Amino acid sequence: MSDVMNVSASKPKIGGAMHRAPLGTACPTDATSNLNEAFKPLGYLSADGLVNENSPENESTKAWGGDVVTETQTGKPDKFKFTMIEALNPEVLKAVYGDKHVTGDLETGITIEANTEEQEYCCWVSEVILKGGVVKRTVIPNAKVIEVGEVSYVDNAPIGYQTTISAVPDEDGNTHFEYIIKDAAAAEAAVAEE
């Protein structure tokens, strides 16, 4: 039976929708437990939010005469796309250029080394609030940045780092986990905002 209460949109959790930590950091296994302190928030994302591309890739086999007789799955990439807009946040810059290639802070000065070194794999967590204070946490235990879009410096838009990360499977073949639960505190906050 259809239920309009199951239709939802998402908003970022207060404190940031995306977090990043070194590979091997203990990842959460539910929607509400505190994140390990190694996870650093990546601040505001653009209004485009978070996009997950997780569609199977298939190859068609045709019989003589042109009928498709079977579809064979050849892959199932799991990619997440988002645009970080806190261009002055060292954690954002580390996510884009690599941890060891960004040093300092705004008070001492930030230095970025842009080079061809391959990005390292990291742990990533997305946290959003759905309708009625339902919390959704997406945990990506092992993914790396595979693409950063063009960075524009203009006077009518924030500097943004359009980033694509690609997840690789764990020992059980899982590339990411999603945890969803109604959270009383989140529900109260959602009602207060309405």
N, C-alpha and C. Protein backbone atom coordinates (compact mmCIF):
# COMPACT_ATOMS: atom_id res chain seq x y z
N MET A 1 0.84 -1.18 0.00
CA MET A 1 0.00 0.00 0.00
C MET A 1 0.89 1.24 0.00
N SER A 2 0.52 2.22 -0.80
CA SER A 2 1.28 3.46 -0.88
C SER A 2 1.10 4.29 0.38
N ASP A 3 2.16 5.02 0.77
CA ASP A 3 2.09 5.84 1.97
C ASP A 3 2.91 7.11 1.74
N VAL A 4 2.24 8.27 1.71
CA VAL A 4 2.94 9.54 1.48
C VAL A 4 3.97 9.83 2.56
N MET A 5 3.82 9.22 3.73
CA MET A 5 4.78 9.46 4.81
C MET A 5 6.14 8.84 4.50
N ASN A 6 6.19 7.94 3.52
CA ASN A 6 7.46 7.33 3.13
C ASN A 6 8.18 8.11 2.05
N VAL A 7 7.56 9.18 1.54
CA VAL A 7 8.20 10.04 0.55
C VAL A 7 9.02 11.08 1.30
N SER A 8 10.26 11.28 0.88
CA SER A 8 11.11 12.19 1.65
C SER A 8 12.08 12.95 0.76
N ALA A 9 12.59 14.02 1.30
CA ALA A 9 13.70 14.77 0.72
C ALA A 9 14.79 14.78 1.79
N SER A 10 15.94 15.34 1.47
CA SER A 10 17.02 15.33 2.46
C SER A 10 17.61 16.71 2.65
N LYS A 11 18.11 16.91 3.86
CA LYS A 11 18.86 18.12 4.21
C LYS A 11 20.15 17.67 4.90
N PRO A 12 21.19 18.47 4.79
CA PRO A 12 22.43 18.06 5.46
C PRO A 12 22.28 18.12 6.97
N LYS A 13 22.94 17.22 7.64
CA LYS A 13 22.94 17.25 9.10
C LYS A 13 23.73 18.48 9.56
N ILE A 14 23.29 19.09 10.64
CA ILE A 14 24.00 20.26 11.18
C ILE A 14 25.43 19.84 11.49
N GLY A 15 26.39 20.66 11.07
CA GLY A 15 27.79 20.33 11.29
C GLY A 15 28.45 19.76 10.04
N GLY A 16 27.66 19.53 9.00
CA GLY A 16 28.23 19.06 7.74
C GLY A 16 27.69 17.71 7.32
N ALA A 17 27.51 17.56 6.01
CA ALA A 17 26.95 16.32 5.47
C ALA A 17 28.03 15.30 5.12
N MET A 18 29.27 15.75 4.90
CA MET A 18 30.33 14.82 4.51
C MET A 18 31.48 14.90 5.52
N HIS A 19 32.01 13.73 5.83
CA HIS A 19 33.16 13.62 6.72
C HIS A 19 34.18 12.67 6.09
N ARG A 20 35.44 12.86 6.43
CA ARG A 20 36.51 12.06 5.84
C ARG A 20 37.52 11.71 6.92
N ALA A 21 38.05 10.48 6.85
CA ALA A 21 39.04 10.01 7.82
C ALA A 21 40.05 9.12 7.10
N PRO A 22 41.22 8.92 7.72
CA PRO A 22 42.21 8.02 7.10
C PRO A 22 41.67 6.61 6.95
N LEU A 23 42.14 5.92 5.93
CA LEU A 23 41.76 4.53 5.70
C LEU A 23 42.08 3.70 6.94
N GLY A 24 41.16 2.83 7.31
CA GLY A 24 41.35 1.99 8.49
C GLY A 24 40.71 2.53 9.75
N THR A 25 40.21 3.77 9.70
CA THR A 25 39.50 4.34 10.85
C THR A 25 38.24 3.52 11.10
N ALA A 26 37.92 3.30 12.38
CA ALA A 26 36.70 2.56 12.72
C ALA A 26 35.49 3.30 12.19
N CYS A 27 34.72 2.63 11.36
CA CYS A 27 33.54 3.25 10.76
C CYS A 27 32.30 2.91 11.59
N PRO A 28 31.32 3.81 11.61
CA PRO A 28 30.08 3.53 12.34
C PRO A 28 29.30 2.41 11.67
N THR A 29 28.53 1.70 12.47
CA THR A 29 27.70 0.60 11.95
C THR A 29 26.22 0.85 12.25
N ASP A 30 25.88 2.12 12.47
CA ASP A 30 24.50 2.51 12.67
C ASP A 30 24.35 3.98 12.26
N ALA A 31 23.15 4.52 12.43
CA ALA A 31 22.86 5.87 11.94
C ALA A 31 23.14 6.97 12.96
N THR A 32 23.28 6.63 14.25
CA THR A 32 23.30 7.69 15.25
C THR A 32 24.50 7.71 16.20
N SER A 33 25.32 6.68 16.21
CA SER A 33 26.45 6.69 17.14
C SER A 33 27.43 7.80 16.75
N ASN A 34 28.20 8.26 17.73
CA ASN A 34 29.17 9.32 17.47
C ASN A 34 30.23 8.84 16.50
N LEU A 35 30.60 9.72 15.58
CA LEU A 35 31.69 9.40 14.66
C LEU A 35 33.01 9.37 15.40
N ASN A 36 33.90 8.51 14.96
CA ASN A 36 35.28 8.50 15.45
C ASN A 36 35.86 9.90 15.24
N GLU A 37 36.64 10.37 16.21
CA GLU A 37 37.18 11.75 16.12
C GLU A 37 38.12 11.94 14.94
N ALA A 38 38.55 10.86 14.31
CA ALA A 38 39.41 10.99 13.12
C ALA A 38 38.63 11.52 11.91
N PHE A 39 37.29 11.39 11.94
CA PHE A 39 36.50 11.92 10.84
C PHE A 39 36.42 13.43 10.93
N LYS A 40 36.86 14.10 9.88
CA LYS A 40 36.84 15.56 9.84
C LYS A 40 35.72 16.04 8.93
N PRO A 41 34.90 17.00 9.41
CA PRO A 41 33.81 17.51 8.57
C PRO A 41 34.35 18.35 7.40
N LEU A 42 33.68 18.22 6.26
CA LEU A 42 34.09 18.96 5.07
C LEU A 42 33.21 20.17 4.81
N GLY A 43 32.41 20.55 5.83
CA GLY A 43 31.66 21.79 5.78
C GLY A 43 30.54 21.80 4.76
N TYR A 44 30.21 23.01 4.32
CA TYR A 44 29.09 23.21 3.41
C TYR A 44 29.36 22.56 2.05
N LEU A 45 28.31 21.93 1.51
CA LEU A 45 28.31 21.46 0.13
C LEU A 45 27.39 22.36 -0.67
N SER A 46 27.54 22.37 -1.97
CA SER A 46 26.68 23.19 -2.82
C SER A 46 25.25 22.68 -2.76
N ALA A 47 24.32 23.48 -3.27
CA ALA A 47 22.91 23.13 -3.27
C ALA A 47 22.61 21.89 -4.10
N ASP A 48 23.57 21.43 -4.90
CA ASP A 48 23.38 20.20 -5.68
C ASP A 48 23.38 18.97 -4.80
N GLY A 49 23.83 19.12 -3.55
CA GLY A 49 23.80 18.01 -2.60
C GLY A 49 24.78 16.90 -2.94
N LEU A 50 24.36 15.69 -2.67
CA LEU A 50 25.17 14.49 -2.85
C LEU A 50 24.48 13.59 -3.86
N VAL A 51 25.22 13.12 -4.85
CA VAL A 51 24.67 12.23 -5.88
C VAL A 51 25.43 10.91 -5.84
N ASN A 52 24.68 9.81 -5.76
CA ASN A 52 25.28 8.47 -5.76
C ASN A 52 24.95 7.77 -7.07
N GLU A 53 26.00 7.39 -7.79
CA GLU A 53 25.84 6.62 -9.03
C GLU A 53 26.25 5.19 -8.72
N ASN A 54 25.27 4.28 -8.75
CA ASN A 54 25.53 2.90 -8.36
C ASN A 54 24.74 1.96 -9.28
N SER A 55 24.89 2.19 -10.58
CA SER A 55 24.11 1.45 -11.56
C SER A 55 24.93 0.34 -12.20
N PRO A 56 24.33 -0.84 -12.35
CA PRO A 56 25.05 -1.93 -13.00
C PRO A 56 25.39 -1.59 -14.45
N GLU A 57 26.55 -2.06 -14.89
CA GLU A 57 26.92 -1.97 -16.31
C GLU A 57 26.74 -3.36 -16.90
N ASN A 58 26.08 -3.43 -18.05
CA ASN A 58 25.77 -4.72 -18.65
C ASN A 58 26.21 -4.79 -20.09
N GLU A 59 26.44 -6.01 -20.54
CA GLU A 59 26.76 -6.26 -21.94
C GLU A 59 25.68 -7.19 -22.49
N SER A 60 25.09 -6.78 -23.61
CA SER A 60 24.03 -7.58 -24.22
C SER A 60 24.61 -8.63 -25.15
N THR A 61 24.01 -9.80 -25.13
CA THR A 61 24.35 -10.85 -26.08
C THR A 61 23.17 -11.02 -27.02
N LYS A 62 23.45 -10.91 -28.31
CA LYS A 62 22.38 -11.03 -29.30
C LYS A 62 22.48 -12.37 -30.03
N ALA A 63 21.30 -12.89 -30.35
CA ALA A 63 21.22 -14.10 -31.18
C ALA A 63 21.18 -13.68 -32.64
N TRP A 64 21.37 -14.63 -33.49
CA TRP A 64 21.24 -14.36 -34.91
C TRP A 64 19.84 -13.84 -35.19
N GLY A 65 19.75 -12.75 -35.83
CA GLY A 65 18.46 -12.11 -36.08
C GLY A 65 18.27 -10.85 -35.24
N GLY A 66 19.13 -10.66 -34.24
CA GLY A 66 19.11 -9.41 -33.49
C GLY A 66 18.44 -9.43 -32.14
N ASP A 67 17.78 -10.52 -31.75
CA ASP A 67 17.14 -10.57 -30.44
C ASP A 67 18.20 -10.57 -29.34
N VAL A 68 17.97 -9.75 -28.30
CA VAL A 68 18.84 -9.79 -27.12
C VAL A 68 18.41 -11.00 -26.30
N VAL A 69 19.34 -11.93 -26.07
CA VAL A 69 18.99 -13.17 -25.38
C VAL A 69 19.53 -13.24 -23.95
N THR A 70 20.47 -12.39 -23.63
CA THR A 70 20.95 -12.35 -22.24
C THR A 70 21.68 -11.04 -21.98
N GLU A 71 21.68 -10.65 -20.73
CA GLU A 71 22.42 -9.47 -20.26
C GLU A 71 23.40 -9.95 -19.21
N THR A 72 24.67 -9.62 -19.39
CA THR A 72 25.71 -10.02 -18.44
C THR A 72 26.25 -8.78 -17.75
N GLN A 73 26.20 -8.79 -16.42
CA GLN A 73 26.73 -7.64 -15.68
C GLN A 73 28.25 -7.65 -15.77
N THR A 74 28.81 -6.53 -16.23
CA THR A 74 30.25 -6.42 -16.39
C THR A 74 30.89 -5.54 -15.33
N GLY A 75 30.08 -4.88 -14.53
CA GLY A 75 30.61 -4.02 -13.47
C GLY A 75 29.48 -3.31 -12.76
N LYS A 76 29.81 -2.71 -11.64
CA LYS A 76 28.82 -1.93 -10.89
C LYS A 76 29.57 -0.86 -10.10
N PRO A 77 30.05 0.17 -10.79
CA PRO A 77 30.79 1.22 -10.08
C PRO A 77 29.92 1.94 -9.06
N ASP A 78 30.52 2.29 -7.96
CA ASP A 78 29.81 2.99 -6.88
C ASP A 78 30.52 4.32 -6.66
N LYS A 79 29.94 5.39 -7.22
CA LYS A 79 30.56 6.71 -7.17
C LYS A 79 29.66 7.70 -6.46
N PHE A 80 30.27 8.64 -5.78
CA PHE A 80 29.56 9.71 -5.09
C PHE A 80 30.11 11.04 -5.59
N LYS A 81 29.20 11.96 -5.93
CA LYS A 81 29.60 13.28 -6.44
C LYS A 81 29.03 14.36 -5.54
N PHE A 82 29.85 15.35 -5.23
CA PHE A 82 29.43 16.47 -4.41
C PHE A 82 30.39 17.62 -4.65
N THR A 83 29.95 18.83 -4.33
CA THR A 83 30.81 20.01 -4.51
C THR A 83 31.02 20.68 -3.16
N MET A 84 32.27 20.68 -2.71
CA MET A 84 32.63 21.33 -1.45
C MET A 84 32.85 22.81 -1.72
N ILE A 85 32.23 23.68 -0.90
CA ILE A 85 32.32 25.11 -1.18
C ILE A 85 33.03 25.90 -0.07
N GLU A 86 33.62 25.20 0.89
CA GLU A 86 34.42 25.90 1.91
C GLU A 86 35.88 25.93 1.44
N ALA A 87 36.17 26.83 0.52
CA ALA A 87 37.48 26.90 -0.11
C ALA A 87 38.60 27.32 0.85
N LEU A 88 38.23 27.82 2.03
CA LEU A 88 39.24 28.23 3.01
C LEU A 88 39.42 27.19 4.11
N ASN A 89 38.76 26.05 3.99
CA ASN A 89 38.82 24.99 4.99
C ASN A 89 39.96 24.04 4.64
N PRO A 90 41.01 23.93 5.47
CA PRO A 90 42.13 23.03 5.16
C PRO A 90 41.71 21.58 4.95
N GLU A 91 40.65 21.13 5.63
CA GLU A 91 40.20 19.74 5.46
C GLU A 91 39.64 19.53 4.05
N VAL A 92 38.97 20.53 3.51
CA VAL A 92 38.48 20.46 2.13
C VAL A 92 39.67 20.39 1.17
N LEU A 93 40.65 21.23 1.39
CA LEU A 93 41.82 21.26 0.51
C LEU A 93 42.59 19.94 0.58
N LYS A 94 42.66 19.33 1.76
CA LYS A 94 43.32 18.03 1.89
C LYS A 94 42.56 16.95 1.13
N ALA A 95 41.23 17.02 1.16
CA ALA A 95 40.42 16.06 0.42
C ALA A 95 40.67 16.17 -1.08
N VAL A 96 40.92 17.40 -1.55
CA VAL A 96 41.13 17.64 -2.98
C VAL A 96 42.56 17.33 -3.41
N TYR A 97 43.54 17.77 -2.62
CA TYR A 97 44.95 17.68 -3.04
C TYR A 97 45.74 16.57 -2.34
N GLY A 98 45.18 15.98 -1.29
CA GLY A 98 45.89 14.95 -0.53
C GLY A 98 46.40 15.53 0.78
N ASP A 99 46.31 14.73 1.84
CA ASP A 99 46.67 15.20 3.18
C ASP A 99 48.08 15.76 3.28
N LYS A 100 49.04 15.07 2.70
CA LYS A 100 50.42 15.51 2.87
C LYS A 100 50.80 16.67 1.96
N HIS A 101 49.87 17.10 1.12
CA HIS A 101 50.17 18.20 0.20
C HIS A 101 49.52 19.52 0.61
N VAL A 102 48.91 19.54 1.79
CA VAL A 102 48.32 20.78 2.31
C VAL A 102 48.82 20.97 3.73
N THR A 103 49.47 22.08 3.97
CA THR A 103 50.00 22.37 5.31
C THR A 103 49.55 23.76 5.76
N GLY A 104 49.53 23.94 7.08
CA GLY A 104 49.23 25.24 7.66
C GLY A 104 47.75 25.48 7.85
N ASP A 105 47.45 26.71 8.24
CA ASP A 105 46.07 27.15 8.42
C ASP A 105 46.00 28.62 8.02
N LEU A 106 44.83 29.22 8.16
CA LEU A 106 44.69 30.60 7.71
C LEU A 106 45.55 31.57 8.51
N GLU A 107 45.78 31.26 9.79
CA GLU A 107 46.60 32.16 10.62
C GLU A 107 48.08 32.10 10.26
N THR A 108 48.57 30.90 9.98
CA THR A 108 50.00 30.74 9.67
C THR A 108 50.26 30.76 8.17
N GLY A 109 49.21 30.59 7.40
CA GLY A 109 49.33 30.51 5.95
C GLY A 109 49.17 29.07 5.49
N ILE A 110 48.41 28.87 4.44
CA ILE A 110 48.18 27.54 3.88
C ILE A 110 49.03 27.39 2.63
N THR A 111 49.71 26.26 2.54
CA THR A 111 50.49 25.92 1.34
C THR A 111 49.91 24.66 0.73
N ILE A 112 49.67 24.71 -0.58
CA ILE A 112 49.14 23.57 -1.32
C ILE A 112 50.15 23.17 -2.39
N GLU A 113 50.44 21.87 -2.44
CA GLU A 113 51.30 21.33 -3.49
C GLU A 113 50.42 20.54 -4.46
N ALA A 114 50.17 21.10 -5.64
CA ALA A 114 49.39 20.39 -6.66
C ALA A 114 50.35 19.59 -7.52
N ASN A 115 50.11 18.29 -7.61
CA ASN A 115 51.03 17.44 -8.36
C ASN A 115 50.27 16.25 -8.95
N THR A 116 51.00 15.31 -9.52
CA THR A 116 50.38 14.16 -10.19
C THR A 116 50.30 12.93 -9.30
N GLU A 117 50.64 13.07 -8.04
CA GLU A 117 50.59 11.91 -7.14
C GLU A 117 49.16 11.42 -6.98
N GLU A 118 49.00 10.11 -7.02
CA GLU A 118 47.67 9.51 -6.92
C GLU A 118 47.09 9.71 -5.52
N GLN A 119 45.79 9.98 -5.47
CA GLN A 119 45.10 10.17 -4.19
C GLN A 119 45.09 8.87 -3.39
N GLU A 120 45.08 9.02 -2.07
CA GLU A 120 45.01 7.86 -1.19
C GLU A 120 43.55 7.50 -0.91
N TYR A 121 43.32 6.23 -0.61
CA TYR A 121 41.99 5.80 -0.21
C TYR A 121 41.72 6.28 1.21
N CYS A 122 40.47 6.64 1.48
CA CYS A 122 40.05 7.13 2.79
C CYS A 122 38.69 6.54 3.14
N CYS A 123 38.26 6.79 4.37
CA CYS A 123 36.90 6.46 4.80
C CYS A 123 36.07 7.74 4.68
N TRP A 124 34.83 7.59 4.24
CA TRP A 124 33.93 8.72 4.04
C TRP A 124 32.59 8.42 4.68
N VAL A 125 31.96 9.44 5.26
CA VAL A 125 30.62 9.27 5.84
C VAL A 125 29.77 10.47 5.45
N SER A 126 28.57 10.18 4.96
CA SER A 126 27.58 11.21 4.66
C SER A 126 26.46 11.10 5.68
N GLU A 127 25.99 12.25 6.18
CA GLU A 127 24.90 12.27 7.15
C GLU A 127 23.85 13.28 6.72
N VAL A 128 22.60 12.81 6.56
CA VAL A 128 21.51 13.69 6.16
C VAL A 128 20.29 13.43 7.04
N ILE A 129 19.42 14.43 7.07
CA ILE A 129 18.16 14.33 7.80
C ILE A 129 17.04 14.25 6.76
N LEU A 130 16.20 13.23 6.89
CA LEU A 130 15.06 13.05 6.01
C LEU A 130 13.81 13.60 6.69
N LYS A 131 12.67 13.49 6.03
CA LYS A 131 11.41 14.00 6.57
C LYS A 131 11.12 13.38 7.93
N GLY A 132 10.60 14.22 8.84
CA GLY A 132 10.20 13.72 10.16
C GLY A 132 11.35 13.42 11.09
N GLY A 133 12.53 13.94 10.77
CA GLY A 133 13.67 13.71 11.65
C GLY A 133 14.31 12.35 11.50
N VAL A 134 14.08 11.69 10.38
CA VAL A 134 14.73 10.41 10.12
C VAL A 134 16.17 10.68 9.71
N VAL A 135 17.10 9.96 10.33
CA VAL A 135 18.53 10.14 10.05
C VAL A 135 18.98 9.07 9.07
N LYS A 136 19.70 9.50 8.04
CA LYS A 136 20.30 8.55 7.10
C LYS A 136 21.80 8.79 7.07
N ARG A 137 22.54 7.74 7.36
CA ARG A 137 24.00 7.80 7.33
C ARG A 137 24.50 6.82 6.27
N THR A 138 25.32 7.33 5.36
CA THR A 138 25.96 6.49 4.35
C THR A 138 27.43 6.37 4.71
N VAL A 139 27.89 5.14 4.85
CA VAL A 139 29.27 4.88 5.25
C VAL A 139 30.00 4.24 4.06
N ILE A 140 31.08 4.87 3.66
CA ILE A 140 31.89 4.41 2.54
C ILE A 140 33.28 4.09 3.11
N PRO A 141 33.53 2.84 3.48
CA PRO A 141 34.76 2.51 4.20
C PRO A 141 36.05 2.69 3.41
N ASN A 142 35.96 2.63 2.06
CA ASN A 142 37.19 2.65 1.28
C ASN A 142 36.91 3.28 -0.09
N ALA A 143 37.27 4.55 -0.23
CA ALA A 143 37.05 5.25 -1.50
C ALA A 143 38.12 6.32 -1.66
N LYS A 144 38.35 6.69 -2.91
CA LYS A 144 39.31 7.77 -3.16
C LYS A 144 38.76 8.74 -4.19
N VAL A 145 39.31 9.92 -4.18
CA VAL A 145 38.94 10.95 -5.15
C VAL A 145 39.47 10.51 -6.51
N ILE A 146 38.56 10.43 -7.49
CA ILE A 146 38.99 10.06 -8.84
C ILE A 146 38.82 11.20 -9.83
N GLU A 147 38.10 12.25 -9.41
CA GLU A 147 37.91 13.38 -10.32
C GLU A 147 37.59 14.64 -9.54
N VAL A 148 38.18 15.75 -9.96
CA VAL A 148 37.85 17.07 -9.44
C VAL A 148 37.56 17.95 -10.65
N GLY A 149 36.38 18.56 -10.66
CA GLY A 149 35.99 19.39 -11.79
C GLY A 149 36.79 20.67 -11.87
N GLU A 150 36.53 21.43 -12.91
CA GLU A 150 37.19 22.72 -13.07
C GLU A 150 36.84 23.63 -11.90
N VAL A 151 37.81 24.36 -11.40
CA VAL A 151 37.59 25.30 -10.30
C VAL A 151 37.48 26.70 -10.89
N SER A 152 36.34 27.35 -10.65
CA SER A 152 36.11 28.68 -11.21
C SER A 152 36.28 29.74 -10.12
N TYR A 153 36.96 30.81 -10.49
CA TYR A 153 37.13 31.96 -9.59
C TYR A 153 36.39 33.14 -10.23
N VAL A 154 35.15 33.35 -9.78
CA VAL A 154 34.32 34.43 -10.32
C VAL A 154 33.71 35.21 -9.16
N ASP A 155 33.15 36.39 -9.46
CA ASP A 155 32.64 37.23 -8.37
C ASP A 155 31.19 36.95 -8.00
N ASN A 156 30.51 36.04 -8.72
CA ASN A 156 29.10 35.82 -8.41
C ASN A 156 28.77 34.39 -7.98
N ALA A 157 29.79 33.62 -7.60
CA ALA A 157 29.55 32.24 -7.15
C ALA A 157 30.69 31.82 -6.24
N PRO A 158 30.40 30.93 -5.27
CA PRO A 158 31.48 30.47 -4.40
C PRO A 158 32.47 29.59 -5.16
N ILE A 159 33.70 29.60 -4.70
CA ILE A 159 34.69 28.68 -5.24
C ILE A 159 34.27 27.28 -4.80
N GLY A 160 34.18 26.37 -5.75
CA GLY A 160 33.72 25.02 -5.42
C GLY A 160 34.64 23.96 -5.98
N TYR A 161 34.76 22.87 -5.24
CA TYR A 161 35.54 21.72 -5.67
C TYR A 161 34.56 20.58 -5.95
N GLN A 162 34.18 20.46 -7.23
CA GLN A 162 33.26 19.40 -7.63
C GLN A 162 34.04 18.09 -7.62
N THR A 163 33.69 17.23 -6.69
CA THR A 163 34.51 16.06 -6.39
C THR A 163 33.74 14.77 -6.64
N THR A 164 34.42 13.80 -7.23
CA THR A 164 33.86 12.46 -7.40
C THR A 164 34.76 11.47 -6.69
N ILE A 165 34.15 10.67 -5.79
CA ILE A 165 34.91 9.61 -5.15
C ILE A 165 34.36 8.27 -5.64
N SER A 166 35.23 7.28 -5.71
CA SER A 166 34.84 5.95 -6.15
C SER A 166 35.15 4.95 -5.05
N ALA A 167 34.14 4.17 -4.67
CA ALA A 167 34.28 3.19 -3.59
C ALA A 167 34.72 1.84 -4.15
N VAL A 168 35.55 1.15 -3.38
CA VAL A 168 35.97 -0.20 -3.76
C VAL A 168 35.37 -1.19 -2.76
N PRO A 169 35.15 -2.44 -3.18
CA PRO A 169 34.48 -3.41 -2.31
C PRO A 169 35.35 -3.89 -1.16
N ASP A 170 34.65 -4.22 -0.05
CA ASP A 170 35.35 -4.83 1.08
C ASP A 170 35.45 -6.34 0.84
N GLU A 171 35.90 -7.08 1.86
CA GLU A 171 36.09 -8.52 1.70
C GLU A 171 34.80 -9.27 1.40
N ASP A 172 33.65 -8.64 1.67
CA ASP A 172 32.35 -9.26 1.38
C ASP A 172 31.72 -8.72 0.10
N GLY A 173 32.43 -7.85 -0.60
CA GLY A 173 31.92 -7.29 -1.85
C GLY A 173 31.07 -6.05 -1.69
N ASN A 174 30.97 -5.50 -0.47
CA ASN A 174 30.16 -4.30 -0.22
C ASN A 174 31.00 -3.04 -0.46
N THR A 175 30.42 -2.09 -1.19
CA THR A 175 31.13 -0.83 -1.44
C THR A 175 30.70 0.30 -0.52
N HIS A 176 29.45 0.25 -0.04
CA HIS A 176 29.03 1.21 0.98
C HIS A 176 27.86 0.63 1.76
N PHE A 177 27.57 1.27 2.89
CA PHE A 177 26.49 0.85 3.77
C PHE A 177 25.59 2.05 4.03
N GLU A 178 24.28 1.81 4.15
CA GLU A 178 23.33 2.86 4.47
C GLU A 178 22.56 2.46 5.73
N TYR A 179 22.48 3.39 6.68
CA TYR A 179 21.77 3.15 7.94
C TYR A 179 20.71 4.24 8.10
N ILE A 180 19.48 3.84 8.37
CA ILE A 180 18.37 4.79 8.45
C ILE A 180 17.56 4.49 9.72
N ILE A 181 17.28 5.54 10.51
CA ILE A 181 16.49 5.36 11.72
C ILE A 181 15.81 6.68 12.09
N LYS A 182 14.64 6.56 12.68
CA LYS A 182 13.98 7.76 13.20
C LYS A 182 14.66 8.12 14.52
N ASP A 183 15.13 9.34 14.60
CA ASP A 183 15.87 9.81 15.77
C ASP A 183 15.06 10.90 16.47
N ALA A 184 14.75 10.71 17.72
CA ALA A 184 13.88 11.65 18.46
C ALA A 184 14.46 13.06 18.44
N ALA A 185 15.75 13.20 18.70
CA ALA A 185 16.36 14.54 18.75
C ALA A 185 16.32 15.20 17.37
N ALA A 186 16.58 14.43 16.34
CA ALA A 186 16.54 14.97 14.98
C ALA A 186 15.13 15.37 14.61
N ALA A 187 14.15 14.57 15.04
CA ALA A 187 12.75 14.89 14.74
C ALA A 187 12.34 16.21 15.40
N GLU A 188 12.76 16.42 16.66
CA GLU A 188 12.46 17.68 17.36
C GLU A 188 13.08 18.86 16.65
N ALA A 189 14.33 18.69 16.18
CA ALA A 189 15.01 19.78 15.48
C ALA A 189 14.31 20.09 14.17
N ALA A 190 13.85 19.05 13.47
CA ALA A 190 13.15 19.25 12.20
C ALA A 190 11.86 20.01 12.40
N VAL A 191 11.12 19.67 13.46
CA VAL A 191 9.86 20.37 13.75
C VAL A 191 10.12 21.82 14.10
N ALA A 192 11.20 22.10 14.84
CA ALA A 192 11.53 23.46 15.25
C ALA A 192 11.87 24.31 14.04
N GLU A 193 12.46 23.71 12.99
CA GLU A 193 12.83 24.46 11.80
C GLU A 193 11.63 24.79 10.92
N GLU A 194 10.54 24.02 11.04
CA GLU A 194 9.37 24.22 10.16
C GLU A 194 8.55 25.44 10.57
